[in-house]
Amino acid sequence: MTAAPIYLDHQATTPLDERVLQAMMPFLTREYGNPSSSHAYGRTAARAVRTARRHVADLIGADSEGELVFTSGATEANHLAIIGAALAVRPHGGHIVTTTIEHKAVLAACQRLLDHHGYTITHVGVDRYGHVHPADIAAALTHHTVLVSVMHASNEIGTIQQLAAITEITAPRGILLHTDAAQSAGHSLLNVSELGVDLASVSAHKLHGPKGIGGLYVRNGLHLTAQQTGGGQEHGLRAGTPNVPAIIGFGEAAHLITTRSIPPPPHTRALRDRLQHLLLTAIPGTTLNGHPHQRLPGNLSLTLPGTEATDLLNHLPGIAASTGSACNTGNPEPSHVLTAIGLTRQQARATLRLSLSHTNTQQDIDQAARLLINAAHTLTPPPTT
């Protein structure tokens, strides 16, 4: 029997924790009540949803569970945050500031405001590490700016942004600050109260929870224009019968993190650093993308000169990895994130994203390094004399 590939694509999605599945199972079978129903089945579901909401709120550092709105994932949360906040504050003709390295869901939501609601959008650039400088955000603000959206941690290069410093710029001006925190919430990096953000999008399947469930942190007192109407669920912001089993799974995944029932981030970081050292040492000319220290503990974005990353992966059936965001799969254009940090189109096409979690082992890392080094040496032409 062929061994399963070594999974190094945890920023695309993570395997479901067995304990999460066990927590979900009763709500997939015997506890099938609608939490909006007043009978015993409904009350059981409602209590479970409240507990899950509290666990996710604890994970992200919210002041209360009432500040969390469940969504189908971070993409929906991004749209609700950006469009819902912008239209609530100023229905037409305001100004949004974001960055050149945001997830496509954020860029698409901003584009919708531009195309249909007369907003103007400013995309602030980043440095070679993928950091957006708070001073550049400040310089982009105008009297019409209603919202700033800055990703907390990059889904491609892992760089973590200085959100607290940006809050010090936006808050005194009464400008809302949103962050796409889908990648950072599972690594004990996100505390919305400490960072001072007004809105934060999160996703369960990035932290060993189920797919199809996410959430939006909405600071107490902040009003949004609902994007999905027709019922009063989720504080009137997201109509529709709640996905109870997935919500329970999200809550359990969050609870496992906050109760330290899984290995902490330093475990993953140590494995990542080992893999980084092995590859940088053995493959000449390989360079690291993103900030060398201020990045996600499991992220490793490497450019391997003289290779095509897709060809490299095709020669590696024993490794499951990616060339960048899973949302870009099949797109012939180079990653907008990689070109934003200064890589050429050729360098971007030679870039590999390896992403680890606590489920990886040192044996995984050593075997993956051997496979990657052998494939790189095979595909890279020898230097000319």
Protein backbone atom coordinates (compact mmCIF):
# COMPACT_ATOMS: atom_id res chain seq x y z
CA MET A 1 0.00 0.00 0.00
CA THR A 2 1.31 3.45 -0.97
CA ALA A 3 1.98 5.70 1.99
CA ALA A 4 -0.10 8.87 2.27
CA PRO A 5 1.72 12.04 1.19
CA ILE A 6 3.28 14.15 3.93
CA TYR A 7 0.80 16.98 4.44
CA LEU A 8 2.45 20.40 4.33
CA ASP A 9 -0.49 22.55 3.20
CA HIS A 10 -2.09 23.51 6.49
CA GLN A 11 -2.65 27.11 5.38
CA ALA A 12 -5.02 25.79 2.72
CA THR A 13 -6.89 23.65 5.24
CA THR A 14 -6.17 21.52 8.29
CA PRO A 15 -7.24 17.96 9.08
CA LEU A 16 -10.23 17.70 11.37
CA ASP A 17 -9.23 16.89 14.94
CA GLU A 18 -10.80 13.61 16.07
CA ARG A 19 -12.03 15.28 19.27
CA VAL A 20 -13.79 17.90 17.18
CA LEU A 21 -15.54 15.20 15.18
CA GLN A 22 -16.66 13.47 18.37
CA ALA A 23 -18.11 16.73 19.69
CA MET A 24 -20.02 17.21 16.43
CA MET A 25 -21.43 13.68 16.12
CA PRO A 26 -24.42 14.00 18.50
CA PHE A 27 -25.60 17.07 16.56
CA LEU A 28 -25.34 15.16 13.30
CA THR A 29 -27.50 12.35 14.68
CA ARG A 30 -29.74 12.48 17.74
CA GLU A 31 -29.50 16.18 18.71
CA TYR A 32 -31.01 17.53 15.52
CA GLY A 33 -33.06 20.40 16.91
CA ASN A 34 -33.22 23.87 15.41
CA PRO A 35 -31.78 26.29 17.99
CA SER A 36 -34.56 28.76 17.18
CA SER A 37 -37.21 26.26 18.32
CA SER A 38 -38.63 26.60 21.83
CA HIS A 39 -39.05 22.88 22.59
CA ALA A 40 -36.52 20.60 24.29
CA TYR A 41 -34.64 19.71 21.09
CA GLY A 42 -34.27 23.35 20.18
CA ARG A 43 -33.18 24.35 23.69
CA THR A 44 -30.46 21.68 23.65
CA ALA A 45 -29.13 22.96 20.34
CA ALA A 46 -29.32 26.58 21.50
CA ARG A 47 -27.32 25.83 24.66
CA ALA A 48 -24.67 24.05 22.63
CA VAL A 49 -24.43 26.98 20.19
CA ARG A 50 -24.05 29.44 23.08
CA THR A 51 -21.23 27.35 24.53
CA ALA A 52 -19.49 27.17 21.16
CA ARG A 53 -19.89 30.91 20.68
CA ARG A 54 -18.28 31.50 24.07
CA HIS A 55 -15.36 29.21 23.20
CA VAL A 56 -14.65 31.03 19.92
CA ALA A 57 -15.03 34.40 21.64
CA ASP A 58 -12.47 33.27 24.24
CA LEU A 59 -10.10 32.16 21.48
CA ILE A 60 -10.04 35.58 19.83
CA GLY A 61 -10.09 37.64 23.03
CA ALA A 62 -13.57 39.15 22.59
CA ASP A 63 -15.14 40.84 25.60
CA SER A 64 -18.36 38.87 25.23
CA GLU A 65 -19.80 36.01 23.17
CA GLY A 66 -22.37 38.45 21.79
CA GLU A 67 -19.61 40.04 19.70
CA LEU A 68 -19.32 36.93 17.50
CA VAL A 69 -21.47 36.31 14.42
CA PHE A 70 -21.24 32.85 12.88
CA THR A 71 -20.86 32.74 9.08
CA SER A 72 -20.12 30.11 6.44
CA GLY A 73 -16.41 30.98 6.59
CA ALA A 74 -13.92 33.82 6.49
CA THR A 75 -14.88 34.82 2.94
CA GLU A 76 -18.46 35.57 3.96
CA ALA A 77 -17.20 37.22 7.13
CA ASN A 78 -14.94 39.49 5.07
CA HIS A 79 -17.83 40.55 2.86
CA LEU A 80 -20.14 41.17 5.80
CA ALA A 81 -17.46 43.18 7.59
CA ILE A 82 -16.32 45.34 4.67
CA ILE A 83 -19.57 45.89 2.80
CA GLY A 84 -21.77 45.78 5.89
CA ALA A 85 -19.66 48.32 7.78
CA ALA A 86 -19.11 50.63 4.82
CA LEU A 87 -22.78 50.82 3.89
CA ALA A 88 -23.88 51.26 7.51
CA VAL A 89 -21.50 54.18 8.04
CA ARG A 90 -21.92 55.79 4.63
CA PRO A 91 -24.29 54.22 2.10
CA HIS A 92 -22.63 55.90 -0.90
CA GLY A 93 -19.37 57.46 -1.94
CA GLY A 94 -16.95 56.84 0.91
CA HIS A 95 -13.30 55.77 0.89
CA ILE A 96 -11.71 52.43 1.86
CA VAL A 97 -8.02 51.75 2.52
CA THR A 98 -6.59 48.26 2.20
CA THR A 99 -3.28 46.67 1.13
CA THR A 100 -1.86 45.09 -2.00
CA ILE A 101 -1.45 41.67 -0.36
CA GLU A 102 -4.97 41.02 0.93
CA HIS A 103 -6.89 37.82 0.35
CA LYS A 104 -8.99 37.91 -2.80
CA ALA A 105 -12.17 37.91 -0.72
CA VAL A 106 -11.19 41.26 0.77
CA LEU A 107 -10.17 42.69 -2.59
CA ALA A 108 -13.45 41.49 -4.13
CA ALA A 109 -15.54 43.08 -1.37
CA CYS A 110 -13.73 46.38 -1.88
CA GLN A 111 -14.25 46.11 -5.63
CA ARG A 112 -17.98 45.63 -5.10
CA LEU A 113 -18.12 48.88 -3.14
CA LEU A 114 -16.24 50.58 -5.95
CA ASP A 115 -18.41 49.16 -8.74
CA HIS A 116 -21.86 49.43 -7.15
CA HIS A 117 -21.72 52.03 -4.40
CA GLY A 118 -19.39 54.73 -5.66
CA TYR A 119 -16.60 54.11 -3.17
CA THR A 120 -12.97 54.87 -3.87
CA ILE A 121 -10.33 52.33 -2.85
CA THR A 122 -6.68 52.91 -1.97
CA HIS A 123 -4.33 49.91 -2.02
CA VAL A 124 -1.30 50.59 0.18
CA GLY A 125 1.92 48.81 -0.75
CA VAL A 126 4.18 46.72 1.47
CA ASP A 127 7.92 46.34 1.94
CA ARG A 128 9.98 43.35 0.81
CA TYR A 129 9.00 41.44 3.96
CA GLY A 130 5.30 41.97 3.34
CA HIS A 131 4.88 44.53 6.11
CA VAL A 132 2.55 47.45 5.56
CA HIS A 133 3.94 50.48 7.37
CA PRO A 134 1.45 52.24 9.66
CA ALA A 135 2.75 55.61 8.40
CA ASP A 136 1.71 54.60 4.87
CA ILE A 137 -1.78 53.77 6.13
CA ALA A 138 -1.94 57.18 7.83
CA ALA A 139 -0.84 58.92 4.63
CA ALA A 140 -3.61 57.19 2.64
CA LEU A 141 -6.46 58.38 4.90
CA THR A 142 -8.78 61.17 3.81
CA HIS A 143 -11.76 62.95 5.33
CA HIS A 144 -13.94 60.44 3.47
CA THR A 145 -12.25 57.27 4.78
CA VAL A 146 -14.69 55.05 6.66
CA LEU A 147 -12.83 51.73 6.86
CA VAL A 148 -9.32 50.28 6.79
CA SER A 149 -8.87 46.53 6.14
CA VAL A 150 -5.47 44.93 6.84
CA MET A 151 -4.88 41.18 6.99
CA HIS A 152 -3.44 40.07 10.34
CA ALA A 153 -1.15 37.37 8.90
CA SER A 154 -0.52 36.62 5.25
CA ASN A 155 -1.92 33.38 3.90
CA GLU A 156 1.04 33.11 1.52
CA ILE A 157 4.18 34.51 3.17
CA GLY A 158 3.02 34.42 6.80
CA THR A 159 4.04 37.98 7.72
CA ILE A 160 2.20 39.36 10.76
CA GLN A 161 1.06 42.98 10.57
CA GLN A 162 1.33 45.68 13.25
CA LEU A 163 -2.40 46.03 13.85
CA ALA A 164 -2.10 47.69 17.26
CA ALA A 165 -0.03 50.48 15.69
CA ILE A 166 -2.61 50.89 12.93
CA THR A 167 -5.40 51.08 15.52
CA GLU A 168 -3.64 54.06 17.09
CA ILE A 169 -4.04 55.81 13.74
CA THR A 170 -7.62 54.81 12.86
CA ALA A 171 -9.36 54.91 16.25
CA PRO A 172 -8.82 58.62 17.05
CA ARG A 173 -10.21 59.49 13.61
CA GLY A 174 -13.31 57.35 14.07
CA ILE A 175 -12.29 55.08 11.19
CA LEU A 176 -13.19 51.41 11.52
CA LEU A 177 -10.43 48.78 11.33
CA HIS A 178 -11.13 45.31 9.96
CA THR A 179 -8.71 42.41 9.81
CA ASP A 180 -8.86 39.10 8.01
CA ALA A 181 -7.52 36.87 10.79
CA ALA A 182 -8.31 33.49 9.24
CA GLN A 183 -4.66 32.41 9.41
CA SER A 184 -3.72 33.80 12.82
CA ALA A 185 -6.59 32.76 15.09
CA GLY A 186 -5.33 29.21 15.55
CA HIS A 187 -1.86 30.20 16.72
CA SER A 188 -2.68 32.20 19.89
CA LEU A 189 -1.77 35.37 17.98
CA LEU A 190 -5.19 37.04 17.77
CA ASN A 191 -6.57 39.07 20.67
CA VAL A 192 -9.08 41.55 19.31
CA SER A 193 -9.28 43.50 22.57
CA GLU A 194 -5.51 43.99 22.77
CA LEU A 195 -5.17 44.80 19.07
CA GLY A 196 -8.10 47.20 19.19
CA VAL A 197 -9.66 46.10 15.90
CA ASP A 198 -13.36 46.71 15.28
CA LEU A 199 -13.97 43.70 13.03
CA ALA A 200 -12.11 40.40 12.61
CA SER A 201 -12.84 37.46 10.30
CA VAL A 202 -11.98 33.90 11.37
CA SER A 203 -12.42 30.39 9.98
CA ALA A 204 -12.72 26.97 11.62
CA HIS A 205 -11.01 24.84 8.99
CA LYS A 206 -7.72 26.70 9.45
CA LEU A 207 -7.50 25.47 13.07
CA HIS A 208 -8.48 21.79 12.79
CA GLY A 209 -12.21 22.48 12.80
CA PRO A 210 -14.77 21.69 10.10
CA LYS A 211 -15.13 23.43 6.75
CA GLY A 212 -18.11 25.63 6.02
CA ILE A 213 -18.11 27.59 9.28
CA GLY A 214 -16.43 30.81 10.28
CA GLY A 215 -17.14 33.91 12.26
CA LEU A 216 -16.97 37.66 12.37
CA TYR A 217 -16.02 39.57 15.49
CA VAL A 218 -18.10 42.76 15.67
CA ARG A 219 -17.11 45.15 18.43
CA ASN A 220 -19.95 45.92 20.85
CA GLY A 221 -21.99 48.90 19.71
CA LEU A 222 -20.95 48.67 16.05
CA HIS A 223 -23.78 48.55 13.51
CA LEU A 224 -23.51 46.66 10.21
CA THR A 225 -25.84 46.43 7.23
CA ALA A 226 -26.82 42.76 6.92
CA GLN A 227 -25.87 41.12 3.63
CA GLN A 228 -28.02 38.01 4.09
CA THR A 229 -31.54 38.90 5.18
CA GLY A 230 -34.76 37.05 5.86
CA GLY A 231 -34.54 36.11 9.54
CA GLY A 232 -33.31 37.32 12.87
CA GLN A 233 -30.52 34.79 13.39
CA GLU A 234 -27.02 35.89 14.43
CA HIS A 235 -28.17 39.20 15.94
CA GLY A 236 -30.05 39.96 12.72
CA LEU A 237 -26.83 40.01 10.71
CA ARG A 238 -26.93 36.59 9.06
CA ALA A 239 -30.30 35.07 8.25
CA GLY A 240 -30.73 31.31 7.96
CA THR A 241 -30.89 28.25 10.17
CA PRO A 242 -27.53 27.91 11.94
CA ASN A 243 -25.23 25.06 10.92
CA VAL A 244 -25.30 23.59 14.41
CA PRO A 245 -22.88 20.63 13.97
CA ALA A 246 -20.26 22.87 12.33
CA ILE A 247 -20.69 25.55 15.01
CA ILE A 248 -20.17 22.93 17.70
CA GLY A 249 -17.03 21.76 15.87
CA PHE A 250 -15.71 25.32 15.64
CA GLY A 251 -16.29 25.79 19.35
CA GLU A 252 -14.53 22.55 20.23
CA ALA A 253 -11.54 23.36 18.00
CA ALA A 254 -11.27 26.76 19.70
CA HIS A 255 -11.60 25.18 23.15
CA LEU A 256 -8.78 22.72 22.44
CA ILE A 257 -6.50 25.66 21.68
CA THR A 258 -7.43 27.81 24.67
CA THR A 259 -7.15 24.89 27.10
CA ARG A 260 -3.75 23.92 25.64
CA SER A 261 -5.02 20.49 24.67
CA ILE A 262 -2.85 20.59 21.55
CA PRO A 263 0.90 21.30 21.25
CA PRO A 264 1.52 25.07 21.45
CA PRO A 265 2.91 27.20 18.55
CA PRO A 266 6.60 26.79 19.56
CA HIS A 267 6.30 23.09 18.66
CA THR A 268 5.25 23.95 15.11
CA ARG A 269 7.79 26.76 14.86
CA ALA A 270 10.64 24.40 15.78
CA LEU A 271 9.62 21.98 13.03
CA ARG A 272 9.32 24.82 10.53
CA ASP A 273 12.76 26.16 11.44
CA ARG A 274 14.27 22.71 11.00
CA LEU A 275 12.75 22.34 7.54
CA GLN A 276 13.87 25.86 6.62
CA HIS A 277 17.45 25.16 7.70
CA LEU A 278 17.63 21.87 5.81
CA LEU A 279 16.32 23.37 2.57
CA LEU A 280 18.28 26.62 2.65
CA THR A 281 21.47 24.70 3.38
CA ALA A 282 21.07 22.07 0.69
CA ILE A 283 19.53 24.02 -2.23
CA PRO A 284 21.87 26.84 -3.34
CA GLY A 285 20.29 30.22 -4.00
CA THR A 286 17.03 29.44 -2.20
CA THR A 287 15.54 32.51 -0.51
CA LEU A 288 12.92 33.02 2.18
CA ASN A 289 9.86 35.17 1.55
CA GLY A 290 8.12 37.08 4.30
CA HIS A 291 9.54 38.38 7.54
CA PRO A 292 12.19 36.04 9.00
CA HIS A 293 10.73 36.26 12.51
CA GLN A 294 7.40 38.11 12.54
CA ARG A 295 5.46 35.45 10.70
CA LEU A 296 3.15 32.52 11.34
CA PRO A 297 4.88 29.65 13.18
CA GLY A 298 4.10 27.10 10.48
CA ASN A 299 4.66 29.18 7.35
CA LEU A 300 7.58 28.65 4.99
CA SER A 301 7.56 30.43 1.63
CA LEU A 302 10.68 29.70 -0.41
CA THR A 303 11.84 30.73 -3.87
CA LEU A 304 13.99 28.05 -5.52
CA PRO A 305 15.87 29.62 -8.44
CA GLY A 306 15.84 27.83 -11.78
CA THR A 307 12.72 25.82 -10.99
CA GLU A 308 9.02 25.97 -11.72
CA ALA A 309 7.23 25.31 -8.45
CA THR A 310 4.39 23.47 -10.17
CA ASP A 311 6.88 21.15 -11.89
CA LEU A 312 8.62 20.58 -8.59
CA LEU A 313 5.38 19.57 -6.90
CA ASN A 314 4.46 17.31 -9.81
CA HIS A 315 7.71 15.42 -9.13
CA LEU A 316 6.79 15.06 -5.46
CA PRO A 317 3.81 12.72 -5.04
CA GLY A 318 5.05 12.08 -1.51
CA ILE A 319 4.39 15.68 -0.42
CA ALA A 320 1.14 17.65 -0.34
CA ALA A 321 2.09 21.34 -0.62
CA SER A 322 1.24 24.34 -2.79
CA THR A 323 2.71 27.20 -4.77
CA GLY A 324 0.65 29.77 -2.87
CA SER A 325 -2.94 30.44 -1.88
CA ALA A 326 -5.34 27.59 -2.66
CA CYS A 327 -7.65 30.25 -4.13
CA ASN A 328 -5.10 30.82 -6.92
CA THR A 329 -4.94 27.20 -8.06
CA GLY A 330 -5.17 27.00 -11.84
CA ASN A 331 -4.47 30.71 -12.31
CA PRO A 332 -1.57 31.20 -14.77
CA GLU A 333 -0.82 34.65 -13.38
CA PRO A 334 1.79 34.93 -10.62
CA SER A 335 0.63 35.57 -7.08
CA HIS A 336 -0.26 39.21 -6.43
CA VAL A 337 1.25 38.81 -2.96
CA LEU A 338 4.64 37.71 -4.28
CA THR A 339 4.82 40.43 -6.92
CA ALA A 340 3.78 43.00 -4.28
CA ILE A 341 6.88 42.18 -2.22
CA GLY A 342 9.11 42.65 -5.26
CA LEU A 343 9.47 39.20 -6.80
CA THR A 344 9.64 38.99 -10.57
CA ARG A 345 7.13 36.85 -12.43
CA GLN A 346 9.80 34.18 -12.85
CA GLN A 347 10.68 34.25 -9.15
CA ALA A 348 7.02 34.05 -8.21
CA ARG A 349 6.59 30.96 -10.37
CA ALA A 350 9.60 29.42 -8.61
CA THR A 351 8.04 29.88 -5.17
CA LEU A 352 6.78 27.08 -2.96
CA ARG A 353 4.54 27.46 0.11
CA LEU A 354 5.06 24.83 2.81
CA SER A 355 2.80 25.14 5.84
CA LEU A 356 2.98 23.01 8.97
CA SER A 357 0.88 22.36 12.04
CA HIS A 358 1.24 20.51 15.32
CA THR A 359 0.16 17.31 13.55
CA ASN A 360 3.48 17.13 11.69
CA THR A 361 6.41 15.20 13.16
CA GLN A 362 10.16 15.50 12.88
CA GLN A 363 10.10 12.36 10.76
CA ASP A 364 7.72 14.16 8.37
CA ILE A 365 10.08 17.11 8.18
CA ASP A 366 13.23 15.10 7.56
CA GLN A 367 11.56 12.95 4.90
CA ALA A 368 9.99 15.98 3.20
CA ALA A 369 13.35 17.74 3.16
CA ARG A 370 15.02 14.75 1.49
CA LEU A 371 12.31 14.55 -1.16
CA LEU A 372 12.38 18.29 -1.86
CA ILE A 373 16.18 18.45 -2.05
CA ASN A 374 16.38 15.49 -4.43
CA ALA A 375 13.65 16.89 -6.67
CA ALA A 376 15.21 20.37 -6.72
CA HIS A 377 18.61 18.97 -7.66
CA THR A 378 17.01 16.86 -10.40
CA LEU A 379 15.06 19.74 -11.93
CA THR A 380 17.61 22.51 -11.56
CA PRO A 381 20.07 22.62 -14.46
CA PRO A 382 23.75 22.50 -13.50
CA PRO A 383 25.64 25.83 -13.64
CA THR A 384 27.39 26.56 -16.90
CA THR A 385 31.17 26.81 -16.91
